[in-house]
């Protein structure tokens, strides 16, 4: 395995890097950060990859919809409605009895 600084294809790889950099400049900031975090993760040694907090990025994607207030308000409203309906049903049943 040859290091990049000693490689004969160093200039070709540098050109590819420059093309990618110019593409990143016209992308959304969050998208660019995500790409850079993935690249940084790929450059880590295997042992650090296992222990890396990059796994948190997966959880961030999963939990991203729950960061808005509306996503929490709707399920909490439904749960509150059913709990309240149950309590009213029991109260009415006890009152009628």
Protein backbone atom coordinates (compact mmCIF):
# COMPACT_ATOMS: atom_id res chain seq x y z
CA UNK A 1 0.00 0.00 0.00
CA UNK A 2 1.46 3.31 -1.12
CA UNK A 3 0.79 6.57 0.66
CA UNK A 4 -0.96 9.20 -1.39
CA UNK A 5 1.94 11.63 -1.14
CA UNK A 6 4.17 9.01 -2.81
CA UNK A 7 1.61 7.91 -5.39
CA UNK A 8 1.91 8.54 -9.11
CA UNK A 9 -1.83 9.33 -9.36
CA UNK A 10 -1.65 12.09 -6.77
CA UNK A 11 -2.51 14.84 -9.27
CA UNK A 12 -5.52 12.97 -10.63
CA UNK A 13 -6.86 12.50 -7.12
CA UNK A 14 -6.21 16.19 -6.35
CA UNK A 15 -8.28 17.17 -9.43
CA UNK A 16 -11.11 14.94 -8.26
CA UNK A 17 -10.88 16.57 -4.85
CA UNK A 18 -11.11 20.04 -6.41
CA UNK A 19 -14.20 18.99 -8.39
CA UNK A 20 -15.84 17.64 -5.25
CA UNK A 21 -14.98 20.82 -3.37
CA UNK A 22 -16.59 22.96 -6.06
CA UNK A 23 -19.69 20.74 -5.86
CA UNK A 24 -19.82 21.13 -2.09
CA UNK A 25 -19.73 24.91 -2.42
CA UNK A 26 -23.07 24.94 -4.23
CA UNK A 27 -24.77 22.52 -1.84
CA UNK A 28 -26.74 23.14 1.33
CA UNK A 29 -24.57 23.70 4.40
CA UNK A 30 -26.06 20.76 6.33
CA UNK A 31 -25.58 18.45 3.35
CA UNK A 32 -21.93 19.52 3.06
CA UNK A 33 -21.37 18.96 6.79
CA UNK A 34 -22.93 15.52 6.52
CA UNK A 35 -20.66 14.60 3.59
CA UNK A 36 -17.59 15.81 5.47
CA UNK A 37 -18.55 13.86 8.60
CA UNK A 38 -18.96 10.71 6.51
CA UNK A 39 -15.58 11.30 4.89
CA UNK A 40 -13.95 11.92 8.26
CA UNK A 41 -15.51 8.70 9.54
CA UNK A 42 -14.12 6.73 6.57
CA UNK A 43 -10.61 8.00 7.31
CA UNK A 44 -10.68 6.75 10.91
CA UNK A 45 -8.87 3.55 11.88
CA UNK A 46 -11.14 0.53 12.33
CA UNK A 47 -11.00 0.58 16.13
CA UNK A 48 -12.09 4.21 16.25
CA UNK A 49 -14.86 3.54 13.73
CA UNK A 50 -16.41 1.09 16.17
CA UNK A 51 -16.26 3.59 19.01
CA UNK A 52 -17.07 6.60 16.85
CA UNK A 53 -20.01 8.89 17.54
CA UNK A 54 -20.85 8.65 13.81
CA UNK A 55 -23.52 6.16 14.86
CA UNK A 56 -25.27 9.16 16.37
CA UNK A 57 -25.76 10.50 12.85
CA UNK A 58 -27.98 7.52 12.13
CA UNK A 59 -30.02 8.31 15.23
CA UNK A 60 -30.16 11.95 14.16
CA UNK A 61 -31.74 10.90 10.87
CA UNK A 62 -34.25 8.67 12.64
CA UNK A 63 -35.17 11.29 15.23
CA UNK A 64 -35.12 14.26 12.85
CA UNK A 65 -38.92 14.32 12.32
CA UNK A 66 -39.44 14.48 16.08
CA UNK A 67 -37.55 17.75 16.39
CA UNK A 68 -40.57 19.78 15.33
CA UNK A 69 -43.27 20.72 17.81
CA UNK A 70 -46.08 19.54 15.57
CA UNK A 71 -44.79 15.99 15.50
CA UNK A 72 -44.97 15.86 19.29
CA UNK A 73 -48.27 17.74 19.63
CA UNK A 74 -50.29 15.37 17.43
CA UNK A 75 -49.42 12.08 19.22
CA UNK A 76 -49.70 13.70 22.65
CA UNK A 77 -53.11 15.11 21.71
CA UNK A 78 -54.31 11.68 20.57
CA UNK A 79 -53.05 10.01 23.76
CA UNK A 80 -54.64 12.73 25.90
CA UNK A 81 -57.92 12.36 24.05
CA UNK A 82 -58.08 8.60 24.62
CA UNK A 83 -57.11 8.88 28.28
CA UNK A 84 -59.70 11.59 28.81
CA UNK A 85 -62.36 9.58 26.95
CA UNK A 86 -61.58 6.55 29.14
CA UNK A 87 -61.81 8.60 32.33
CA UNK A 88 -65.12 10.17 31.23
CA UNK A 89 -66.48 6.74 30.26
CA UNK A 90 -65.62 5.31 33.69
CA UNK A 91 -67.00 8.39 35.47
CA UNK A 92 -70.28 8.21 33.52
CA UNK A 93 -70.54 4.46 34.15
CA UNK A 94 -70.07 4.96 37.88
CA UNK A 95 -72.52 7.86 37.92
CA UNK A 96 -75.21 5.87 36.06
CA UNK A 97 -74.75 2.88 38.33
